[in-house]
N, C-alpha and C. Protein backbone atom coordinates (compact mmCIF):
# COMPACT_ATOMS: atom_id res chain seq x y z
N MET A 1 131.73 159.72 8.06
CA MET A 1 132.10 159.12 9.84
C MET A 1 133.21 158.14 9.08
N SER A 2 134.06 158.04 10.16
CA SER A 2 135.00 156.91 9.60
C SER A 2 134.50 156.11 10.28
N PRO A 3 135.24 154.90 9.47
CA PRO A 3 134.98 152.82 10.20
C PRO A 3 135.29 152.94 11.81
N GLU A 4 136.60 153.96 12.20
CA GLU A 4 137.11 153.37 13.32
C GLU A 4 136.06 154.21 14.56
N LEU A 5 135.11 155.20 13.89
CA LEU A 5 134.20 155.91 14.97
C LEU A 5 132.88 155.15 14.94
N LEU A 6 133.20 154.66 13.79
CA LEU A 6 131.40 153.83 13.53
C LEU A 6 131.36 152.76 14.50
N ALA A 7 133.10 151.84 14.52
CA ALA A 7 133.10 150.78 15.56
C ALA A 7 133.04 151.32 16.81
N LEU A 8 133.62 152.42 17.35
CA LEU A 8 133.08 153.02 18.51
C LEU A 8 132.09 153.45 18.79
N PHE A 9 131.12 153.65 18.24
CA PHE A 9 129.50 153.91 18.16
C PHE A 9 129.25 152.57 18.30
N TRP A 10 129.09 151.22 17.63
CA TRP A 10 128.93 150.62 17.82
C TRP A 10 128.98 149.68 19.70
N ASP A 11 130.12 150.15 19.53
CA ASP A 11 130.59 149.31 21.17
C ASP A 11 129.71 150.51 21.91
N SER A 12 129.72 151.73 21.97
CA SER A 12 128.69 152.86 22.86
C SER A 12 127.17 151.89 23.53
N PHE A 13 127.07 152.10 21.99
CA PHE A 13 125.70 151.47 22.50
C PHE A 13 125.61 150.44 22.79
N LEU A 14 126.08 148.98 22.69
CA LEU A 14 125.99 147.97 23.66
C LEU A 14 126.26 147.78 25.11
N GLU A 15 126.94 149.36 24.76
CA GLU A 15 127.45 149.55 26.32
C GLU A 15 126.14 149.99 27.26
N THR A 16 125.75 150.73 26.62
CA THR A 16 124.37 151.71 26.54
C THR A 16 123.04 150.39 26.76
N LEU A 17 123.15 149.54 26.07
CA LEU A 17 122.18 148.34 26.21
C LEU A 17 122.39 147.54 27.62
N ALA A 18 123.44 147.52 27.62
CA ALA A 18 124.21 146.38 28.90
C ALA A 18 124.10 147.27 30.44
N MET A 19 124.29 148.50 30.15
CA MET A 19 124.26 149.50 31.33
C MET A 19 122.29 149.28 31.58
N VAL A 20 121.38 149.58 30.68
CA VAL A 20 120.31 149.65 30.90
C VAL A 20 119.47 148.48 30.84
N GLY A 21 120.16 147.54 30.34
CA GLY A 21 119.31 146.04 30.20
C GLY A 21 119.09 145.58 32.22
N THR A 22 121.00 145.79 32.49
CA THR A 22 121.25 145.18 33.93
C THR A 22 120.42 145.77 34.87
N ALA A 23 120.66 147.00 35.03
CA ALA A 23 120.20 147.37 36.29
C ALA A 23 118.50 147.67 36.02
N GLY A 24 118.15 147.44 34.54
CA GLY A 24 116.26 147.32 34.81
C GLY A 24 115.97 145.98 35.32
N ILE A 25 116.60 145.16 35.30
CA ILE A 25 116.68 143.75 35.20
C ILE A 25 116.79 143.68 37.00
N VAL A 26 118.11 143.97 37.20
CA VAL A 26 118.45 143.92 38.76
C VAL A 26 117.44 144.77 39.35
N GLY A 27 116.86 146.04 38.68
CA GLY A 27 116.55 147.35 39.40
C GLY A 27 115.14 146.49 39.88
N ALA A 28 114.32 145.56 38.90
CA ALA A 28 112.83 145.29 38.67
C ALA A 28 113.03 143.73 39.85
N LEU A 29 113.73 143.19 39.91
CA LEU A 29 114.10 142.04 41.75
C LEU A 29 113.94 142.89 42.45
N VAL A 30 114.91 143.84 43.05
CA VAL A 30 114.40 144.80 43.83
C VAL A 30 113.43 145.12 43.97
N GLY A 31 112.87 146.25 42.97
CA GLY A 31 111.72 146.95 43.23
C GLY A 31 110.32 146.20 43.19
N ILE A 32 110.14 145.32 42.86
CA ILE A 32 108.97 144.74 42.90
C ILE A 32 108.75 144.45 43.99
N PRO A 33 109.43 143.56 44.35
CA PRO A 33 109.36 143.13 46.01
C PRO A 33 109.08 144.08 47.27
N LEU A 34 109.72 145.17 46.99
CA LEU A 34 109.94 146.35 47.48
C LEU A 34 107.67 147.07 47.66
N GLY A 35 107.98 146.99 46.00
CA GLY A 35 106.19 147.84 46.02
C GLY A 35 105.59 146.87 46.67
N VAL A 36 105.74 145.81 46.61
CA VAL A 36 104.75 144.36 47.59
C VAL A 36 104.56 144.69 48.44
N ALA A 37 105.92 145.14 48.73
CA ALA A 37 105.70 145.00 51.05
C ALA A 37 105.14 146.65 51.01
N LEU A 38 105.73 147.67 50.30
CA LEU A 38 104.87 148.75 50.75
C LEU A 38 103.49 148.88 50.55
N HIS A 39 102.51 147.99 49.74
CA HIS A 39 101.34 147.76 49.65
C HIS A 39 101.07 146.62 50.46
N VAL A 40 101.47 145.81 50.75
CA VAL A 40 100.79 144.67 51.81
C VAL A 40 100.95 144.84 53.13
N THR A 41 101.77 146.38 53.62
CA THR A 41 102.28 146.53 55.24
C THR A 41 101.48 147.88 55.23
N ASP A 42 101.18 148.59 54.22
CA ASP A 42 100.34 149.59 54.51
C ASP A 42 98.70 149.26 55.49
N ALA A 43 98.15 150.22 56.06
CA ALA A 43 97.49 150.12 57.05
C ALA A 43 96.49 149.72 56.66
N GLN A 44 96.20 149.70 55.29
CA GLN A 44 94.65 148.72 54.84
C GLN A 44 95.46 147.78 53.96
N GLY A 45 96.61 147.47 54.28
CA GLY A 45 96.75 146.37 52.91
C GLY A 45 96.31 144.79 53.99
N ILE A 46 97.06 143.89 53.37
CA ILE A 46 96.82 142.38 54.02
C ILE A 46 97.19 142.13 54.62
N LEU A 47 98.42 142.91 55.45
CA LEU A 47 99.68 142.64 56.18
C LEU A 47 99.67 144.12 57.19
N PRO A 48 99.45 144.59 57.59
CA PRO A 48 99.34 145.79 58.04
C PRO A 48 100.84 146.57 59.30
N HIS A 49 101.23 146.73 58.48
CA HIS A 49 102.74 147.31 59.85
C HIS A 49 102.70 149.06 59.17
N PRO A 50 102.21 149.49 59.49
CA PRO A 50 102.47 150.73 59.61
C PRO A 50 103.68 151.50 59.38
N TRP A 51 103.99 151.23 60.55
CA TRP A 51 105.87 151.92 60.79
C TRP A 51 106.96 151.08 59.98
N LEU A 52 106.02 149.54 59.46
CA LEU A 52 107.37 149.13 58.47
C LEU A 52 107.24 150.27 57.53
N SER A 53 105.98 149.97 56.71
CA SER A 53 105.49 150.65 55.74
C SER A 53 105.93 152.25 55.87
N ARG A 54 106.26 153.03 56.42
CA ARG A 54 106.47 154.61 56.46
C ARG A 54 107.89 154.38 56.46
N THR A 55 108.69 153.59 57.18
CA THR A 55 110.05 153.55 56.86
C THR A 55 110.96 153.13 55.81
N LEU A 56 110.23 151.77 54.77
CA LEU A 56 109.95 151.58 53.91
C LEU A 56 109.93 152.90 52.84
N GLY A 57 108.61 153.29 53.40
CA GLY A 57 108.22 154.98 52.37
C GLY A 57 109.31 156.03 52.40
N ILE A 58 109.67 156.31 53.61
CA ILE A 58 110.81 157.40 53.60
C ILE A 58 112.18 156.75 52.98
N VAL A 59 112.50 155.69 53.02
CA VAL A 59 113.78 155.43 51.98
C VAL A 59 114.14 155.34 50.74
N ILE A 60 112.61 154.92 50.24
CA ILE A 60 112.85 155.09 48.92
C ILE A 60 112.84 156.56 48.49
N ASN A 61 111.46 157.37 49.45
CA ASN A 61 111.52 158.91 48.80
C ASN A 61 112.78 159.30 49.06
N ALA A 62 113.77 158.96 49.62
CA ALA A 62 114.91 159.65 49.69
C ALA A 62 115.85 159.28 48.93
N VAL A 63 115.92 158.41 48.10
CA VAL A 63 116.42 157.66 47.41
C VAL A 63 116.05 158.67 45.63
N ARG A 64 114.68 158.29 45.51
CA ARG A 64 114.09 159.07 44.14
C ARG A 64 114.18 160.50 44.73
N SER A 65 114.50 160.99 45.33
CA SER A 65 114.86 162.60 45.52
C SER A 65 115.98 162.89 45.14
N THR A 66 116.53 162.03 45.29
CA THR A 66 118.28 162.81 45.06
C THR A 66 118.59 162.54 43.48
N PRO A 67 118.94 164.28 43.17
CA PRO A 67 119.01 163.98 41.63
C PRO A 67 120.22 162.78 41.52
N PHE A 68 120.13 162.31 39.73
CA PHE A 68 120.53 161.31 39.45
C PHE A 68 122.39 161.61 39.69
N ILE A 69 122.45 162.67 39.29
CA ILE A 69 124.11 163.05 39.31
C ILE A 69 125.04 163.60 40.30
N ILE A 70 123.41 163.75 41.97
CA ILE A 70 124.53 163.62 42.94
C ILE A 70 124.47 162.28 43.70
N LEU A 71 123.65 161.38 42.96
CA LEU A 71 123.32 160.17 43.66
C LEU A 71 124.99 159.26 42.99
N LEU A 72 125.16 159.81 41.77
CA LEU A 72 126.08 158.58 41.29
C LEU A 72 127.55 159.25 41.60
N VAL A 73 127.59 160.80 42.45
CA VAL A 73 128.59 160.78 43.06
C VAL A 73 128.97 160.19 44.71
N ALA A 74 127.59 160.41 45.25
CA ALA A 74 127.26 159.72 46.35
C ALA A 74 127.87 158.52 46.49
N VAL A 75 127.38 157.53 45.68
CA VAL A 75 127.64 155.74 45.98
C VAL A 75 128.82 155.53 45.13
N ILE A 76 130.05 156.20 45.30
CA ILE A 76 130.88 155.99 44.44
C ILE A 76 131.97 154.99 45.54
N PRO A 77 131.74 155.12 46.66
CA PRO A 77 132.44 154.37 47.59
C PRO A 77 132.10 152.70 47.58
N LEU A 78 130.57 153.00 47.29
CA LEU A 78 129.71 151.25 47.31
C LEU A 78 129.83 150.58 45.21
N THR A 79 129.92 151.72 44.67
CA THR A 79 130.50 151.58 43.68
C THR A 79 132.24 150.54 43.45
N ARG A 80 132.80 151.40 43.75
CA ARG A 80 134.12 151.04 44.04
C ARG A 80 134.31 149.24 44.39
N VAL A 81 133.43 149.28 45.68
CA VAL A 81 133.32 147.80 46.22
C VAL A 81 133.06 146.72 45.37
N LEU A 82 131.81 147.24 44.89
CA LEU A 82 131.04 146.12 43.87
C LEU A 82 131.17 145.59 42.49
N ALA A 83 131.84 147.14 41.90
CA ALA A 83 132.81 146.91 40.52
C ALA A 83 134.64 147.23 40.53
N GLY A 84 134.85 147.70 41.68
CA GLY A 84 136.67 147.34 41.65
C GLY A 84 136.79 148.87 40.82
N SER A 85 135.86 149.69 40.65
CA SER A 85 136.33 151.09 39.89
C SER A 85 135.27 152.02 39.78
N SER A 86 135.13 153.35 39.87
CA SER A 86 133.97 153.92 39.25
C SER A 86 133.33 154.56 38.74
N ILE A 87 134.74 154.41 37.70
CA ILE A 87 134.03 154.46 36.26
C ILE A 87 134.55 153.25 35.18
N GLY A 88 133.73 153.34 33.97
CA GLY A 88 133.48 152.57 33.21
C GLY A 88 131.87 152.07 33.42
N THR A 89 131.95 150.97 32.44
CA THR A 89 130.36 150.56 32.09
C THR A 89 129.89 149.41 33.37
N ALA A 90 130.50 148.75 33.85
CA ALA A 90 130.36 148.04 35.07
C ALA A 90 129.86 149.13 36.31
N ALA A 91 130.90 149.83 36.40
CA ALA A 91 130.81 150.97 37.65
C ALA A 91 129.20 151.98 37.50
N ALA A 92 129.06 152.13 36.41
CA ALA A 92 127.63 153.23 35.75
C ALA A 92 126.76 152.29 36.40
N ILE A 93 126.44 150.79 36.39
CA ILE A 93 125.01 150.06 36.58
C ILE A 93 124.75 150.02 37.79
N VAL A 94 125.74 150.60 38.74
CA VAL A 94 125.36 150.77 40.03
C VAL A 94 124.28 151.17 40.52
N PRO A 95 125.14 152.92 40.44
CA PRO A 95 124.12 154.05 40.94
C PRO A 95 122.76 153.47 39.73
N LEU A 96 122.79 153.17 38.65
CA LEU A 96 121.69 152.87 37.76
C LEU A 96 120.47 151.82 38.16
N THR A 97 121.08 150.74 39.27
CA THR A 97 120.32 150.08 39.49
C THR A 97 119.87 151.24 40.80
N ILE A 98 120.49 151.46 42.01
CA ILE A 98 120.15 152.29 42.86
C ILE A 98 119.07 153.02 42.70
N ALA A 99 119.14 153.33 41.75
CA ALA A 99 118.08 154.33 40.82
C ALA A 99 116.96 154.19 40.66
N ALA A 100 117.00 152.89 39.93
CA ALA A 100 115.95 151.82 39.23
C ALA A 100 114.99 151.68 40.44
N ALA A 101 115.70 150.72 41.21
CA ALA A 101 114.46 150.07 42.30
C ALA A 101 113.75 150.85 42.77
N PRO A 102 113.98 151.62 43.65
CA PRO A 102 112.94 152.47 44.41
C PRO A 102 111.94 153.16 43.25
N PHE A 103 112.37 153.51 41.95
CA PHE A 103 111.36 154.24 41.08
C PHE A 103 110.38 152.91 40.62
N ILE A 104 111.25 151.84 40.31
CA ILE A 104 110.06 150.87 40.06
C ILE A 104 108.78 150.35 41.38
N ALA A 105 109.58 150.38 42.97
CA ALA A 105 108.38 150.00 43.84
C ALA A 105 107.57 150.87 44.16
N ARG A 106 107.73 152.09 43.76
CA ARG A 106 106.43 152.92 43.54
C ARG A 106 105.27 152.90 42.66
N LEU A 107 105.77 152.26 41.73
CA LEU A 107 104.81 152.23 40.56
C LEU A 107 104.45 150.81 40.67
N VAL A 108 104.89 150.13 41.18
CA VAL A 108 104.08 148.95 41.56
C VAL A 108 103.04 148.69 42.67
N GLU A 109 103.51 149.54 43.43
CA GLU A 109 102.49 149.96 44.67
C GLU A 109 101.37 150.45 44.05
N THR A 110 101.48 151.39 43.02
CA THR A 110 100.77 151.63 42.73
C THR A 110 99.38 151.35 41.67
N ALA A 111 100.27 150.26 41.16
CA ALA A 111 99.57 149.40 40.61
C ALA A 111 99.19 148.38 41.29
N LEU A 112 99.21 147.92 42.32
CA LEU A 112 98.89 147.00 43.38
C LEU A 112 97.55 147.90 43.95
N ARG A 113 97.95 149.09 43.47
CA ARG A 113 96.03 149.36 44.54
C ARG A 113 95.01 149.62 43.72
N GLU A 114 96.06 149.48 42.34
CA GLU A 114 94.33 149.66 41.41
C GLU A 114 93.39 148.46 41.21
N VAL A 115 94.16 147.31 41.90
CA VAL A 115 93.75 145.69 41.93
C VAL A 115 92.54 145.76 42.79
N ASP A 116 91.04 145.36 42.21
CA ASP A 116 89.96 145.22 42.77
C ASP A 116 89.76 144.70 44.67
N ARG A 117 89.52 145.36 45.61
CA ARG A 117 89.96 144.99 46.76
C ARG A 117 88.79 143.67 47.14
N GLY A 118 87.71 144.05 46.35
CA GLY A 118 86.87 142.73 46.23
C GLY A 118 87.61 141.26 45.93
N LEU A 119 88.06 141.47 44.90
CA LEU A 119 88.60 139.72 44.66
C LEU A 119 89.71 139.37 46.00
N VAL A 120 90.43 140.33 46.41
CA VAL A 120 91.22 140.42 48.11
C VAL A 120 90.04 139.77 48.91
N GLU A 121 89.53 140.23 49.43
CA GLU A 121 88.47 140.25 50.46
C GLU A 121 87.66 138.71 49.87
N ALA A 122 87.53 138.24 48.42
CA ALA A 122 86.69 136.99 48.61
C ALA A 122 88.12 135.96 48.53
N ALA A 123 89.43 135.76 48.37
CA ALA A 123 90.30 135.08 48.29
C ALA A 123 90.26 134.97 50.19
N GLN A 124 90.42 135.99 50.74
CA GLN A 124 90.13 135.70 52.14
C GLN A 124 89.22 134.96 52.72
N ALA A 125 87.89 134.97 52.01
CA ALA A 125 86.88 134.81 53.33
C ALA A 125 87.02 132.86 52.61
N MET A 126 87.63 132.64 51.34
CA MET A 126 87.68 130.90 51.12
C MET A 126 88.57 130.53 51.86
N GLY A 127 89.76 131.70 52.79
CA GLY A 127 90.82 131.10 53.26
C GLY A 127 92.62 131.00 52.48
N ALA A 128 92.68 131.58 51.52
CA ALA A 128 93.79 131.71 51.17
C ALA A 128 94.35 132.76 52.32
N THR A 129 96.03 132.09 51.85
CA THR A 129 96.87 132.40 52.14
C THR A 129 97.46 134.03 52.13
N ASN A 130 98.14 134.92 52.96
CA ASN A 130 99.33 135.74 52.72
C ASN A 130 99.66 135.61 50.74
N LEU A 131 100.44 135.15 51.19
CA LEU A 131 101.43 134.27 50.04
C LEU A 131 100.33 134.19 48.44
N GLN A 132 99.52 133.24 49.10
CA GLN A 132 98.70 132.92 48.41
C GLN A 132 98.07 134.52 47.26
N ILE A 133 97.25 135.31 48.55
CA ILE A 133 96.70 136.06 47.69
C ILE A 133 97.87 137.34 46.86
N VAL A 134 99.50 137.50 47.52
CA VAL A 134 100.05 137.98 46.98
C VAL A 134 100.10 137.65 45.36
N SER A 135 101.03 136.09 45.31
CA SER A 135 100.96 134.87 44.20
C SER A 135 100.26 135.53 42.96
N LYS A 136 98.58 135.31 43.46
CA LYS A 136 97.33 134.46 42.48
C LYS A 136 96.40 135.34 42.35
N ILE A 137 96.89 136.54 43.44
CA ILE A 137 95.67 137.69 43.21
C ILE A 137 96.34 139.10 42.67
N LEU A 138 96.90 139.28 43.62
CA LEU A 138 97.68 140.86 43.52
C LEU A 138 98.19 140.89 42.27
N LEU A 139 99.56 140.07 42.04
CA LEU A 139 100.47 140.53 40.81
C LEU A 139 99.84 139.92 39.99
N PRO A 140 99.04 138.59 39.61
CA PRO A 140 98.55 138.82 38.38
C PRO A 140 97.56 139.64 37.86
N GLU A 141 96.83 140.25 38.61
CA GLU A 141 95.89 141.42 38.57
C GLU A 141 96.48 142.49 38.42
N ALA A 142 98.05 143.21 38.94
CA ALA A 142 98.53 144.28 38.21
C ALA A 142 99.55 144.10 37.29
N LEU A 143 99.39 142.81 36.65
CA LEU A 143 100.97 142.56 35.51
C LEU A 143 100.84 143.87 34.42
N PRO A 144 99.60 143.69 34.19
CA PRO A 144 99.86 145.21 33.39
C PRO A 144 100.28 146.19 33.74
N GLY A 145 100.11 146.95 34.88
CA GLY A 145 100.40 148.27 35.14
C GLY A 145 102.11 147.48 35.93
N ILE A 146 102.78 146.31 36.19
CA ILE A 146 103.72 146.09 36.30
C ILE A 146 104.95 146.46 35.37
N VAL A 147 103.83 146.14 34.01
CA VAL A 147 104.85 145.84 33.10
C VAL A 147 104.97 147.46 32.76
N ALA A 148 103.83 148.37 32.30
CA ALA A 148 104.15 149.74 32.05
C ALA A 148 104.98 150.46 32.98
N ALA A 149 104.88 149.87 34.53
CA ALA A 149 105.51 150.55 35.25
C ALA A 149 107.36 150.47 34.91
N PHE A 150 107.77 148.80 34.73
CA PHE A 150 109.12 147.96 34.39
C PHE A 150 109.63 149.22 32.62
N THR A 151 108.21 149.30 31.82
CA THR A 151 108.67 150.00 30.31
C THR A 151 108.85 151.78 31.34
N VAL A 152 108.34 152.51 31.89
CA VAL A 152 108.75 153.97 32.15
C VAL A 152 110.16 153.64 32.80
N THR A 153 110.47 152.98 33.39
CA THR A 153 111.80 153.02 33.82
C THR A 153 113.29 152.74 33.35
N LEU A 154 112.99 151.49 32.22
CA LEU A 154 113.82 151.60 30.81
C LEU A 154 114.19 152.51 30.27
N VAL A 155 113.14 153.44 30.42
CA VAL A 155 112.66 154.46 29.44
C VAL A 155 113.62 156.00 30.41
N SER A 156 113.57 156.21 31.23
CA SER A 156 114.25 156.72 32.51
C SER A 156 115.58 156.54 32.32
N LEU A 157 115.80 154.80 32.77
CA LEU A 157 117.60 154.32 32.86
C LEU A 157 118.30 154.83 31.09
N VAL A 158 117.89 155.13 30.32
CA VAL A 158 118.64 155.46 28.64
C VAL A 158 119.02 157.11 29.81
N GLY A 159 118.04 157.61 29.79
CA GLY A 159 118.46 159.00 30.13
C GLY A 159 119.37 159.18 31.08
N TYR A 160 119.50 158.50 32.07
CA TYR A 160 120.08 158.39 33.53
C TYR A 160 121.47 157.67 32.93
N SER A 161 121.92 156.96 31.88
CA SER A 161 122.98 156.35 31.13
C SER A 161 123.78 156.87 30.53
N ALA A 162 123.03 158.05 29.96
CA ALA A 162 123.82 159.35 29.12
C ALA A 162 124.13 160.10 29.94
N MET A 163 123.29 159.82 30.96
CA MET A 163 124.23 161.32 32.14
C MET A 163 125.66 160.82 32.57
N ALA A 164 125.28 159.21 32.82
CA ALA A 164 126.10 158.12 33.36
C ALA A 164 127.68 158.90 32.66
N GLY A 165 127.51 159.01 31.33
CA GLY A 165 128.67 159.26 30.34
C GLY A 165 129.36 160.51 30.20
N ALA A 166 128.84 161.00 31.28
CA ALA A 166 129.33 162.68 31.24
C ALA A 166 130.20 162.84 32.82
N ILE A 167 130.39 161.33 33.42
CA ILE A 167 131.81 161.28 34.18
C ILE A 167 132.54 159.83 33.94
N GLY A 168 132.70 159.80 32.80
CA GLY A 168 133.19 158.37 32.47
C GLY A 168 132.30 156.76 32.53
N GLY A 169 131.38 157.20 32.07
CA GLY A 169 130.50 155.65 32.85
C GLY A 169 130.98 155.22 31.48
N GLY A 170 130.64 155.42 30.69
CA GLY A 170 130.76 154.77 29.10
C GLY A 170 129.44 155.09 28.37
N GLY A 171 129.12 154.27 27.20
CA GLY A 171 128.34 154.28 26.29
C GLY A 171 127.98 155.25 25.46
N LEU A 172 126.82 155.87 24.75
CA LEU A 172 126.54 156.55 24.13
C LEU A 172 126.56 158.09 24.77
N GLY A 173 126.02 158.42 25.62
CA GLY A 173 126.63 159.51 26.57
C GLY A 173 128.03 159.95 26.67
N ASP A 174 128.52 158.99 26.82
CA ASP A 174 130.03 159.54 27.26
C ASP A 174 130.74 159.55 25.64
N LEU A 175 130.24 158.81 24.56
CA LEU A 175 130.63 158.83 23.18
C LEU A 175 130.29 160.68 22.50
N GLY A 176 129.28 160.74 22.97
CA GLY A 176 128.75 162.22 23.02
C GLY A 176 129.25 163.42 23.13
N ILE A 177 129.73 163.33 24.54
CA ILE A 177 130.75 163.97 25.71
C ILE A 177 131.85 164.18 24.78
N ARG A 178 132.85 163.25 24.87
CA ARG A 178 133.97 163.04 24.31
C ARG A 178 134.44 163.65 22.92
N TYR A 179 133.49 163.43 22.32
CA TYR A 179 133.60 163.30 20.30
C TYR A 179 132.75 164.09 20.27
N GLY A 180 131.00 164.09 20.33
CA GLY A 180 130.47 165.55 20.14
C GLY A 180 130.56 166.68 20.13
N TYR A 181 130.94 166.76 21.59
CA TYR A 181 131.56 168.46 22.50
C TYR A 181 132.70 168.68 22.38
N GLN A 182 133.36 167.66 23.02
CA GLN A 182 134.94 167.87 23.78
C GLN A 182 135.97 168.26 22.08
N ARG A 183 135.29 167.62 20.86
CA ARG A 183 136.12 167.05 19.90
C ARG A 183 135.20 168.56 18.86
N PHE A 184 133.82 168.95 19.25
CA PHE A 184 133.60 169.57 18.04
C PHE A 184 133.24 168.51 16.45
N LEU A 185 132.43 167.68 17.10
CA LEU A 185 132.10 166.54 15.93
C LEU A 185 130.47 166.48 15.91
N PRO A 186 130.02 167.83 15.68
CA PRO A 186 128.68 168.00 16.02
C PRO A 186 128.04 166.79 15.01
N GLU A 187 127.92 165.78 13.53
CA GLU A 187 127.66 164.93 13.55
C GLU A 187 127.36 163.98 13.83
N VAL A 188 128.04 163.82 15.66
CA VAL A 188 128.43 162.46 16.25
C VAL A 188 127.46 162.77 17.73
N MET A 189 127.17 163.34 18.30
CA MET A 189 126.48 164.48 19.02
C MET A 189 124.64 164.04 18.50
N LEU A 190 124.76 164.24 16.87
CA LEU A 190 123.57 164.55 16.76
C LEU A 190 123.12 162.98 16.22
N LEU A 191 124.18 162.24 15.51
CA LEU A 191 123.84 161.16 15.67
C LEU A 191 123.58 160.13 17.04
N VAL A 192 123.87 160.67 18.01
CA VAL A 192 123.89 159.67 19.59
C VAL A 192 122.53 160.64 19.86
N VAL A 193 122.08 161.29 19.71
CA VAL A 193 120.94 161.85 20.19
C VAL A 193 119.74 161.38 19.35
N LEU A 194 119.92 161.13 17.96
CA LEU A 194 118.59 160.12 17.16
C LEU A 194 118.87 158.79 17.62
N VAL A 195 119.86 158.17 17.74
CA VAL A 195 119.84 156.39 18.41
C VAL A 195 118.91 156.83 19.16
N LEU A 196 119.83 157.43 20.58
CA LEU A 196 118.55 157.51 21.92
C LEU A 196 117.40 157.59 21.80
N ILE A 197 116.82 158.24 20.90
CA ILE A 197 115.41 158.55 20.76
C ILE A 197 114.62 157.65 19.70
N ALA A 198 115.68 156.74 19.20
CA ALA A 198 114.65 155.76 18.16
C ALA A 198 114.98 154.74 19.50
N PHE A 199 115.61 154.37 20.18
CA PHE A 199 115.65 153.66 21.19
C PHE A 199 114.54 153.53 22.25
N VAL A 200 114.49 154.92 22.65
CA VAL A 200 113.12 155.00 23.50
C VAL A 200 111.62 154.99 23.15
N GLN A 201 112.18 155.22 21.34
CA GLN A 201 110.47 155.09 20.76
C GLN A 201 110.42 153.48 21.00
N ILE A 202 111.38 152.60 20.23
CA ILE A 202 111.20 151.36 20.56
C ILE A 202 111.19 150.27 21.74
N VAL A 203 111.38 151.00 22.87
CA VAL A 203 111.32 150.57 24.21
C VAL A 203 109.62 150.88 24.56
N GLN A 204 109.55 151.99 23.93
CA GLN A 204 107.77 152.52 25.11
C GLN A 204 106.81 151.77 23.79
N SER A 205 107.23 151.45 22.35
CA SER A 205 106.31 150.96 21.64
C SER A 205 106.45 149.89 22.45
N ALA A 206 107.48 148.66 22.52
CA ALA A 206 107.03 147.29 22.56
C ALA A 206 106.49 147.02 24.04
N GLY A 207 106.68 148.02 25.22
CA GLY A 207 106.23 148.24 26.39
C GLY A 207 104.98 148.21 26.43
N ASP A 208 104.06 148.93 25.20
CA ASP A 208 102.75 149.90 25.35
C ASP A 208 102.01 149.00 24.71
N ARG A 209 102.49 147.58 23.64
CA ARG A 209 101.77 146.75 23.04
C ARG A 209 101.73 145.56 24.09
N LEU A 210 103.10 144.82 24.91
CA LEU A 210 102.80 144.21 26.00
C LEU A 210 101.78 144.32 27.18
N VAL A 211 101.47 145.65 27.48
CA VAL A 211 100.86 146.34 28.39
C VAL A 211 98.97 145.59 27.65
N ARG A 212 98.80 146.43 26.43
CA ARG A 212 97.99 146.03 25.83
C ARG A 212 97.24 143.97 25.33
N LYS A 213 98.47 143.82 25.32
CA LYS A 213 97.78 142.66 25.10
C LYS A 213 97.55 141.34 26.56
N LEU A 214 98.27 141.88 27.81
CA LEU A 214 97.92 141.62 28.70
C LEU A 214 96.72 142.17 29.53
N SER A 215 96.14 143.18 29.07
CA SER A 215 95.13 143.87 29.54
C SER A 215 93.71 143.03 28.98
N HIS A 216 94.09 142.54 27.94
CA HIS A 216 92.92 142.25 26.72
C HIS A 216 92.74 140.40 26.80
N ARG A 217 93.78 140.02 28.34
CA ARG A 217 93.83 138.31 28.25
C ARG A 217 92.28 138.03 28.35
């Protein structure tokens, strides 16, 4: 592989890191509060509003059930407004974030459901406010599950980022399509696949290690 191609490969890897990292962080900042809202407004939650919970659930399910390649195209007008373009790394972050947020929200909701209800009831009996219950009980107790949810989301975003490369989103997916497929350079495609596999393994292993550490604290 030529030095120029290796330099391009490195730039593409950094673009993938930027896409996955930014979309994961912003998606978590949106998705975690959404997950908390889904849980606390449930009929059995500490602040029951079934209609609000159902409405949020419908919107989240609608986004989650939309294939990512369709979502990429559907949000192009919004992408142009936010990123100034419909192609490139910055543009790809928009649909990636939109895909990540509801995914995290559902996983966070599931993690919160696993918290011992007795702890919540004890806090309520001692006069804790809803905000205190969320911040002192629900989130700390569900933290291992939330970290696991974030890890799963990052792994999914790696695959989504490669898909975004098919329509000019940049990153390793774009490199694999343009050079590995269109220019008949199978060694480039193979290297892209191997790096993506290694990246996913590192992310998953780091996430699993952190979950185990939090679970045994």
